[in-house]
Amino acid sequence: MVKEKKAAEAEEKKVATKAVKEKKVAVKKEASEQKETKKKVTKKKAEAAVPEATGTLAAEVAPMSEETKREKTKALNEMFGLVGYEDDDDALSIEIKYDENSTAYYNATGRRKTSVARIRLYTKGDKTITVNSKAFEDYFTDKNLQKLAISSLDKVNLLNKFKVTIIVNGGGIHSQAEAVRHGISRALTVLNPEFRRRLRKLGLLTRDQRMKERKKFGLKRARRAPQWSKR
């Protein structure tokens, strides 16, 4: 008799625990459903009632047109010293141009830091490269810089296939070589748009915006503060 009573009590306990667990699960489900319904209602209210663009937050709430975005980007570029920098899609002009001797060429501009390189690719003529009316090897005497400047032509397997004239201004010799690389890669995309995907994957079309940070007043350099003396 005692064993039967204990077994019955154990079964009753199991049934009670199961009922409690089921109640807890049902309560959790109801709470989650209520939260979801509340979220849906708030989303619908937000979509229905859009705030009007007024006051100081008008520029943040109101939708911006592409022209205003371009103007803002130009203003930011001028603020940080990137004057004349345009996006890759806008900077590339697909029109074929002609020089004084009526020979066709493809032109583009490359930039790095403060150096700007203007490139002209000629399909006709002797296959030489001149930089600021000098021979390429005379201007870039270091072989590493020579490889860096012509790397975009090397990646597309078009070395010694064009007459290239380059005009470089500003910056140091290394930044000028990188600007030449950027300009040649852009000119190649003007020549053949199919090169764009390959050069984009290699990272030769992206304009490297890294520059030396300007000096701040009260500091010796951009971040270097004067040495503090206790006495």
C-alpha atoms as a PDB file:
ATOM      1  CA  MET A   1       0.000   0.000   0.000  1.00  0.00           C
ATOM      2  CA  VAL A   2       2.797   2.431   0.893  1.00  0.00           C
ATOM      3  CA  LYS A   3       4.599   1.816  -2.390  1.00  0.00           C
ATOM      4  CA  GLU A   4       1.421   2.376  -4.389  1.00  0.00           C
ATOM      5  CA  LYS A   5       0.781   5.670  -2.570  1.00  0.00           C
ATOM      6  CA  LYS A   6       4.346   6.869  -3.305  1.00  0.00           C
ATOM      7  CA  ALA A   7       4.033   5.950  -6.983  1.00  0.00           C
ATOM      8  CA  ALA A   8       0.718   7.819  -7.255  1.00  0.00           C
ATOM      9  CA  GLU A   9       2.215  10.903  -5.595  1.00  0.00           C
ATOM     10  CA  ALA A  10       5.173  10.825  -7.995  1.00  0.00           C
ATOM     11  CA  GLU A  11       2.871  10.630 -10.995  1.00  0.00           C
ATOM     12  CA  GLU A  12       0.802  13.545  -9.674  1.00  0.00           C
ATOM     13  CA  LYS A  13       3.987  15.602  -9.258  1.00  0.00           C
ATOM     14  CA  LYS A  14       5.071  14.824 -12.843  1.00  0.00           C
ATOM     15  CA  VAL A  15       1.673  15.865 -14.186  1.00  0.00           C
ATOM     16  CA  ALA A  16       1.792  19.089 -12.151  1.00  0.00           C
ATOM     17  CA  THR A  17       5.303  19.970 -13.372  1.00  0.00           C
ATOM     18  CA  LYS A  18       4.251  19.333 -16.992  1.00  0.00           C
ATOM     19  CA  ALA A  19       1.228  21.603 -16.572  1.00  0.00           C
ATOM     20  CA  VAL A  20       3.419  24.364 -15.070  1.00  0.00           C
ATOM     21  CA  LYS A  21       5.922  24.096 -17.946  1.00  0.00           C
ATOM     22  CA  GLU A  22       3.135  24.263 -20.526  1.00  0.00           C
ATOM     23  CA  LYS A  23       1.710  27.355 -18.855  1.00  0.00           C
ATOM     24  CA  LYS A  24       5.130  29.046 -18.891  1.00  0.00           C
ATOM     25  CA  VAL A  25       5.603  28.258 -22.595  1.00  0.00           C
ATOM     26  CA  ALA A  26       2.145  29.618 -23.401  1.00  0.00           C
ATOM     27  CA  VAL A  27       2.853  32.821 -21.454  1.00  0.00           C
ATOM     28  CA  LYS A  28       6.158  33.327 -23.320  1.00  0.00           C
ATOM     29  CA  LYS A  29       4.458  32.820 -26.673  1.00  0.00           C
ATOM     30  CA  GLU A  30       1.780  35.347 -25.809  1.00  0.00           C
ATOM     31  CA  ALA A  31       4.397  37.889 -24.712  1.00  0.00           C
ATOM     32  CA  SER A  32       6.397  37.451 -27.929  1.00  0.00           C
ATOM     33  CA  GLU A  33       3.242  37.792 -30.046  1.00  0.00           C
ATOM     34  CA  GLN A  34       2.289  40.961 -28.193  1.00  0.00           C
ATOM     35  CA  LYS A  35       5.768  42.421 -28.791  1.00  0.00           C
ATOM     36  CA  GLU A  36       5.597  41.640 -32.501  1.00  0.00           C
ATOM     37  CA  THR A  37       2.156  43.226 -32.815  1.00  0.00           C
ATOM     38  CA  LYS A  38       3.407  46.335 -30.993  1.00  0.00           C
ATOM     39  CA  LYS A  39       6.389  46.598 -33.341  1.00  0.00           C
ATOM     40  CA  LYS A  40       4.140  46.292 -36.393  1.00  0.00           C
ATOM     41  CA  VAL A  41       1.804  48.977 -35.049  1.00  0.00           C
ATOM     42  CA  THR A  42       4.708  51.365 -34.357  1.00  0.00           C
ATOM     43  CA  LYS A  43       6.130  50.789 -37.851  1.00  0.00           C
ATOM     44  CA  LYS A  44       2.773  51.516 -39.435  1.00  0.00           C
ATOM     45  CA  LYS A  45       2.412  54.687 -37.365  1.00  0.00           C
ATOM     46  CA  ALA A  46       5.912  55.830 -38.322  1.00  0.00           C
ATOM     47  CA  GLU A  47       5.242  55.199 -42.013  1.00  0.00           C
ATOM     48  CA  ALA A  48       1.892  56.960 -41.859  1.00  0.00           C
ATOM     49  CA  ALA A  49       3.119  60.047 -39.998  1.00  0.00           C
ATOM     50  CA  VAL A  50       6.384  61.269 -41.615  1.00  0.00           C
ATOM     51  CA  PRO A  51       7.788  64.374 -39.889  1.00  0.00           C
ATOM     52  CA  GLU A  52       8.054  67.498 -41.978  1.00  0.00           C
ATOM     53  CA  ALA A  53      11.529  68.832 -42.707  1.00  0.00           C
ATOM     54  CA  THR A  54      11.673  72.011 -40.660  1.00  0.00           C
ATOM     55  CA  GLY A  55      14.202  73.667 -38.379  1.00  0.00           C
ATOM     56  CA  THR A  56      17.836  72.704 -37.903  1.00  0.00           C
ATOM     57  CA  LEU A  57      17.224  69.012 -38.642  1.00  0.00           C
ATOM     58  CA  ALA A  58      15.692  69.723 -42.059  1.00  0.00           C
ATOM     59  CA  ALA A  59      18.800  68.618 -43.923  1.00  0.00           C
ATOM     60  CA  GLU A  60      18.872  65.315 -42.034  1.00  0.00           C
ATOM     61  CA  VAL A  61      15.160  64.472 -42.457  1.00  0.00           C
ATOM     62  CA  ALA A  62      14.544  65.792 -45.970  1.00  0.00           C
ATOM     63  CA  PRO A  63      15.619  63.564 -48.904  1.00  0.00           C
ATOM     64  CA  MET A  64      18.748  64.875 -50.616  1.00  0.00           C
ATOM     65  CA  SER A  65      19.137  65.099 -54.349  1.00  0.00           C
ATOM     66  CA  GLU A  66      22.257  63.926 -56.180  1.00  0.00           C
ATOM     67  CA  GLU A  67      23.343  67.487 -56.946  1.00  0.00           C
ATOM     68  CA  THR A  68      23.286  68.471 -53.263  1.00  0.00           C
ATOM     69  CA  LYS A  69      25.222  65.318 -52.378  1.00  0.00           C
ATOM     70  CA  ARG A  70      27.890  66.177 -54.955  1.00  0.00           C
ATOM     71  CA  GLU A  71      28.101  69.748 -53.687  1.00  0.00           C
ATOM     72  CA  LYS A  72      28.514  68.515 -50.115  1.00  0.00           C
ATOM     73  CA  THR A  73      31.221  66.037 -51.116  1.00  0.00           C
ATOM     74  CA  LYS A  74      33.059  68.778 -53.006  1.00  0.00           C
ATOM     75  CA  ALA A  75      32.856  71.045 -49.961  1.00  0.00           C
ATOM     76  CA  LEU A  76      34.233  68.293 -47.721  1.00  0.00           C
ATOM     77  CA  ASN A  77      37.032  67.570 -50.190  1.00  0.00           C
ATOM     78  CA  GLU A  78      37.947  71.261 -50.258  1.00  0.00           C
ATOM     79  CA  MET A  79      37.896  71.315 -46.452  1.00  0.00           C
ATOM     80  CA  PHE A  80      40.328  68.395 -46.218  1.00  0.00           C
ATOM     81  CA  GLY A  81      42.535  69.623 -49.041  1.00  0.00           C
ATOM     82  CA  LEU A  82      41.290  67.241 -51.755  1.00  0.00           C
ATOM     83  CA  VAL A  83      40.575  70.017 -54.248  1.00  0.00           C
ATOM     84  CA  GLY A  84      39.741  68.785 -57.720  1.00  0.00           C
ATOM     85  CA  TYR A  85      38.959  65.259 -56.601  1.00  0.00           C
ATOM     86  CA  GLU A  86      35.995  63.685 -58.366  1.00  0.00           C
ATOM     87  CA  ASP A  87      34.464  60.260 -58.277  1.00  0.00           C
ATOM     88  CA  ASP A  88      35.793  57.659 -60.708  1.00  0.00           C
ATOM     89  CA  ASP A  89      32.594  57.550 -62.762  1.00  0.00           C
ATOM     90  CA  ASP A  90      32.456  61.333 -63.188  1.00  0.00           C
ATOM     91  CA  ALA A  91      36.176  61.836 -63.767  1.00  0.00           C
ATOM     92  CA  LEU A  92      36.411  59.445 -66.711  1.00  0.00           C
ATOM     93  CA  SER A  93      35.489  61.069 -70.019  1.00  0.00           C
ATOM     94  CA  ILE A  94      35.067  58.562 -72.851  1.00  0.00           C
ATOM     95  CA  GLU A  95      35.497  61.168 -75.599  1.00  0.00           C
ATOM     96  CA  ILE A  96      38.574  60.816 -77.797  1.00  0.00           C
ATOM     97  CA  LYS A  97      40.605  64.029 -77.859  1.00  0.00           C
ATOM     98  CA  TYR A  98      43.130  65.412 -80.346  1.00  0.00           C
ATOM     99  CA  ASP A  99      46.321  67.377 -79.769  1.00  0.00           C
ATOM    100  CA  GLU A 100      47.945  70.109 -81.873  1.00  0.00           C
ATOM    101  CA  ASN A 101      49.162  67.604 -84.479  1.00  0.00           C
ATOM    102  CA  SER A 102      45.604  66.156 -84.774  1.00  0.00           C
ATOM    103  CA  THR A 103      46.629  62.809 -83.277  1.00  0.00           C
ATOM    104  CA  ALA A 104      44.081  61.011 -81.144  1.00  0.00           C
ATOM    105  CA  TYR A 105      44.775  60.279 -77.492  1.00  0.00           C
ATOM    106  CA  TYR A 106      43.016  59.110 -74.319  1.00  0.00           C
ATOM    107  CA  ASN A 107      43.584  61.280 -71.282  1.00  0.00           C
ATOM    108  CA  ALA A 108      42.980  60.912 -67.547  1.00  0.00           C
ATOM    109  CA  THR A 109      44.218  62.385 -64.283  1.00  0.00           C
ATOM    110  CA  GLY A 110      45.675  60.492 -61.341  1.00  0.00           C
ATOM    111  CA  ARG A 111      46.157  61.746 -57.812  1.00  0.00           C
ATOM    112  CA  ARG A 112      47.996  60.738 -54.677  1.00  0.00           C
ATOM    113  CA  LYS A 113      48.490  63.019 -51.648  1.00  0.00           C
ATOM    114  CA  THR A 114      49.240  66.458 -53.173  1.00  0.00           C
ATOM    115  CA  SER A 115      50.664  65.213 -56.487  1.00  0.00           C
ATOM    116  CA  VAL A 116      48.572  65.299 -59.667  1.00  0.00           C
ATOM    117  CA  ALA A 117      49.490  63.404 -62.853  1.00  0.00           C
ATOM    118  CA  ARG A 118      47.936  64.134 -66.245  1.00  0.00           C
ATOM    119  CA  ILE A 119      48.212  61.171 -68.601  1.00  0.00           C
ATOM    120  CA  ARG A 120      47.855  60.921 -72.361  1.00  0.00           C
ATOM    121  CA  LEU A 121      47.813  57.535 -74.106  1.00  0.00           C
ATOM    122  CA  TYR A 122      48.607  57.606 -77.833  1.00  0.00           C
ATOM    123  CA  THR A 123      47.915  54.506 -79.896  1.00  0.00           C
ATOM    124  CA  LYS A 124      50.121  55.824 -82.728  1.00  0.00           C
ATOM    125  CA  GLY A 125      53.722  56.923 -82.663  1.00  0.00           C
ATOM    126  CA  ASP A 126      56.868  55.583 -81.034  1.00  0.00           C
ATOM    127  CA  LYS A 127      56.129  53.464 -77.934  1.00  0.00           C
ATOM    128  CA  THR A 128      57.950  55.615 -75.384  1.00  0.00           C
ATOM    129  CA  ILE A 129      57.055  57.129 -72.019  1.00  0.00           C
ATOM    130  CA  THR A 130      57.980  60.708 -71.190  1.00  0.00           C
ATOM    131  CA  VAL A 131      57.512  62.406 -67.832  1.00  0.00           C
ATOM    132  CA  ASN A 132      57.677  66.222 -67.778  1.00  0.00           C
ATOM    133  CA  SER A 133      59.442  66.177 -71.186  1.00  0.00           C
ATOM    134  CA  LYS A 134      62.085  63.769 -69.820  1.00  0.00           C
ATOM    135  CA  ALA A 135      62.712  60.091 -70.423  1.00  0.00           C
ATOM    136  CA  PHE A 136      60.901  57.780 -68.054  1.00  0.00           C
ATOM    137  CA  GLU A 137      64.117  56.200 -66.735  1.00  0.00           C
ATOM    138  CA  ASP A 138      65.719  59.616 -66.211  1.00  0.00           C
ATOM    139  CA  TYR A 139      62.797  60.957 -64.169  1.00  0.00           C
ATOM    140  CA  PHE A 140      62.148  57.827 -62.067  1.00  0.00           C
ATOM    141  CA  THR A 141      65.662  56.583 -61.479  1.00  0.00           C
ATOM    142  CA  ASP A 142      64.651  53.942 -58.929  1.00  0.00           C
ATOM    143  CA  LYS A 143      63.569  50.656 -60.505  1.00  0.00           C
ATOM    144  CA  ASN A 144      60.965  50.039 -57.817  1.00  0.00           C
ATOM    145  CA  LEU A 145      59.296  53.347 -58.660  1.00  0.00           C
ATOM    146  CA  GLN A 146      59.441  52.475 -62.358  1.00  0.00           C
ATOM    147  CA  LYS A 147      57.636  49.185 -61.721  1.00  0.00           C
ATOM    148  CA  LEU A 148      55.099  50.919 -59.490  1.00  0.00           C
ATOM    149  CA  ALA A 149      54.296  53.584 -62.096  1.00  0.00           C
ATOM    150  CA  ILE A 150      53.791  51.081 -64.959  1.00  0.00           C
ATOM    151  CA  SER A 151      52.148  48.340 -62.886  1.00  0.00           C
ATOM    152  CA  SER A 152      48.680  49.016 -64.351  1.00  0.00           C
ATOM    153  CA  LEU A 153      50.014  48.485 -67.898  1.00  0.00           C
ATOM    154  CA  ASP A 154      51.800  45.345 -66.760  1.00  0.00           C
ATOM    155  CA  LYS A 155      48.640  43.864 -65.199  1.00  0.00           C
ATOM    156  CA  VAL A 156      46.739  44.318 -68.475  1.00  0.00           C
ATOM    157  CA  ASN A 157      49.668  42.985 -70.585  1.00  0.00           C
ATOM    158  CA  LEU A 158      49.981  46.225 -72.569  1.00  0.00           C
ATOM    159  CA  LEU A 159      53.583  47.203 -71.884  1.00  0.00           C
ATOM    160  CA  ASN A 160      55.343  48.914 -74.806  1.00  0.00           C
ATOM    161  CA  LYS A 161      52.046  49.210 -76.708  1.00  0.00           C
ATOM    162  CA  PHE A 162      51.347  52.950 -76.249  1.00  0.00           C
ATOM    163  CA  LYS A 163      53.068  56.274 -76.421  1.00  0.00           C
ATOM    164  CA  VAL A 164      52.531  57.803 -72.981  1.00  0.00           C
ATOM    165  CA  THR A 165      53.096  61.445 -72.075  1.00  0.00           C
ATOM    166  CA  ILE A 166      52.880  62.401 -68.416  1.00  0.00           C
ATOM    167  CA  ILE A 167      52.838  65.767 -66.655  1.00  0.00           C
ATOM    168  CA  VAL A 168      53.280  65.507 -62.877  1.00  0.00           C
ATOM    169  CA  ASN A 169      53.114  68.299 -60.328  1.00  0.00           C
ATOM    170  CA  GLY A 170      53.406  68.475 -56.549  1.00  0.00           C
ATOM    171  CA  GLY A 171      54.321  65.993 -53.873  1.00  0.00           C
ATOM    172  CA  GLY A 172      57.371  63.772 -53.628  1.00  0.00           C
ATOM    173  CA  ILE A 173      58.800  61.294 -56.088  1.00  0.00           C
ATOM    174  CA  HIS A 174      56.997  58.306 -54.543  1.00  0.00           C
ATOM    175  CA  SER A 175      53.595  59.976 -54.478  1.00  0.00           C
ATOM    176  CA  GLN A 176      54.166  61.120 -58.057  1.00  0.00           C
ATOM    177  CA  ALA A 177      54.776  57.515 -59.117  1.00  0.00           C
ATOM    178  CA  GLU A 178      51.547  56.423 -57.426  1.00  0.00           C
ATOM    179  CA  ALA A 179      49.668  59.284 -59.093  1.00  0.00           C
ATOM    180  CA  VAL A 180      51.044  58.163 -62.469  1.00  0.00           C
ATOM    181  CA  ARG A 181      49.835  54.613 -61.762  1.00  0.00           C
ATOM    182  CA  HIS A 182      46.381  55.914 -60.857  1.00  0.00           C
ATOM    183  CA  GLY A 183      46.191  58.064 -63.987  1.00  0.00           C
ATOM    184  CA  ILE A 184      47.348  55.304 -66.334  1.00  0.00           C
ATOM    185  CA  SER A 185      44.790  52.886 -64.919  1.00  0.00           C
ATOM    186  CA  ARG A 186      42.054  55.480 -65.430  1.00  0.00           C
ATOM    187  CA  ALA A 187      43.200  56.126 -68.986  1.00  0.00           C
ATOM    188  CA  LEU A 188      43.098  52.387 -69.700  1.00  0.00           C
ATOM    189  CA  THR A 189      39.464  52.258 -68.578  1.00  0.00           C
ATOM    190  CA  VAL A 190      38.723  55.127 -70.974  1.00  0.00           C
ATOM    191  CA  LEU A 191      40.449  53.198 -73.761  1.00  0.00           C
ATOM    192  CA  ASN A 192      38.649  49.923 -73.011  1.00  0.00           C
ATOM    193  CA  PRO A 193      35.872  49.811 -70.380  1.00  0.00           C
ATOM    194  CA  GLU A 194      36.358  46.042 -70.017  1.00  0.00           C
ATOM    195  CA  PHE A 195      39.597  46.714 -68.111  1.00  0.00           C
ATOM    196  CA  ARG A 196      37.613  48.444 -65.388  1.00  0.00           C
ATOM    197  CA  ARG A 197      36.588  45.305 -63.492  1.00  0.00           C
ATOM    198  CA  ARG A 198      40.089  43.838 -63.517  1.00  0.00           C
ATOM    199  CA  LEU A 199      41.752  47.054 -62.379  1.00  0.00           C
ATOM    200  CA  ARG A 200      39.068  47.632 -59.759  1.00  0.00           C
ATOM    201  CA  LYS A 201      39.746  44.214 -58.205  1.00  0.00           C
ATOM    202  CA  LEU A 202      43.454  45.014 -58.074  1.00  0.00           C
ATOM    203  CA  GLY A 203      42.699  48.321 -56.330  1.00  0.00           C
ATOM    204  CA  LEU A 204      44.323  50.464 -59.020  1.00  0.00           C
ATOM    205  CA  LEU A 205      41.280  52.660 -59.681  1.00  0.00           C
ATOM    206  CA  THR A 206      40.570  53.749 -56.113  1.00  0.00           C
ATOM    207  CA  ARG A 207      41.915  57.150 -55.146  1.00  0.00           C
ATOM    208  CA  ASP A 208      44.034  56.789 -52.003  1.00  0.00           C
ATOM    209  CA  GLN A 209      42.887  59.702 -49.825  1.00  0.00           C
ATOM    210  CA  ARG A 210      45.475  59.271 -47.089  1.00  0.00           C
ATOM    211  CA  MET A 211      47.350  62.515 -46.467  1.00  0.00           C
ATOM    212  CA  LYS A 212      49.513  64.070 -43.826  1.00  0.00           C
ATOM    213  CA  GLU A 213      47.336  65.539 -41.109  1.00  0.00           C
ATOM    214  CA  ARG A 214      47.647  69.286 -40.746  1.00  0.00           C
ATOM    215  CA  LYS A 215      49.433  70.944 -37.818  1.00  0.00           C
ATOM    216  CA  LYS A 216      47.305  72.236 -34.950  1.00  0.00           C
ATOM    217  CA  PHE A 217      48.002  75.395 -33.012  1.00  0.00           C
ATOM    218  CA  GLY A 218      49.433  74.757 -29.557  1.00  0.00           C
ATOM    219  CA  LEU A 219      51.017  71.495 -30.767  1.00  0.00           C
ATOM    220  CA  LYS A 220      54.309  70.802 -32.480  1.00  0.00           C
ATOM    221  CA  ARG A 221      52.751  68.619 -35.155  1.00  0.00           C
ATOM    222  CA  ALA A 222      49.335  67.144 -35.859  1.00  0.00           C
ATOM    223  CA  ARG A 223      49.219  65.226 -32.557  1.00  0.00           C
ATOM    224  CA  ARG A 224      52.616  65.785 -30.915  1.00  0.00           C
ATOM    225  CA  ALA A 225      52.281  67.986 -27.861  1.00  0.00           C
ATOM    226  CA  PRO A 226      55.196  69.893 -26.311  1.00  0.00           C
ATOM    227  CA  GLN A 227      57.019  68.098 -23.509  1.00  0.00           C
ATOM    228  CA  TRP A 228      55.477  68.743 -20.110  1.00  0.00           C
ATOM    229  CA  SER A 229      57.850  69.800 -17.340  1.00  0.00           C
ATOM    230  CA  LYS A 230      56.741  69.595 -13.727  1.00  0.00           C
ATOM    231  CA  ARG A 231      58.885  72.566 -12.621  1.00  0.00           C
END
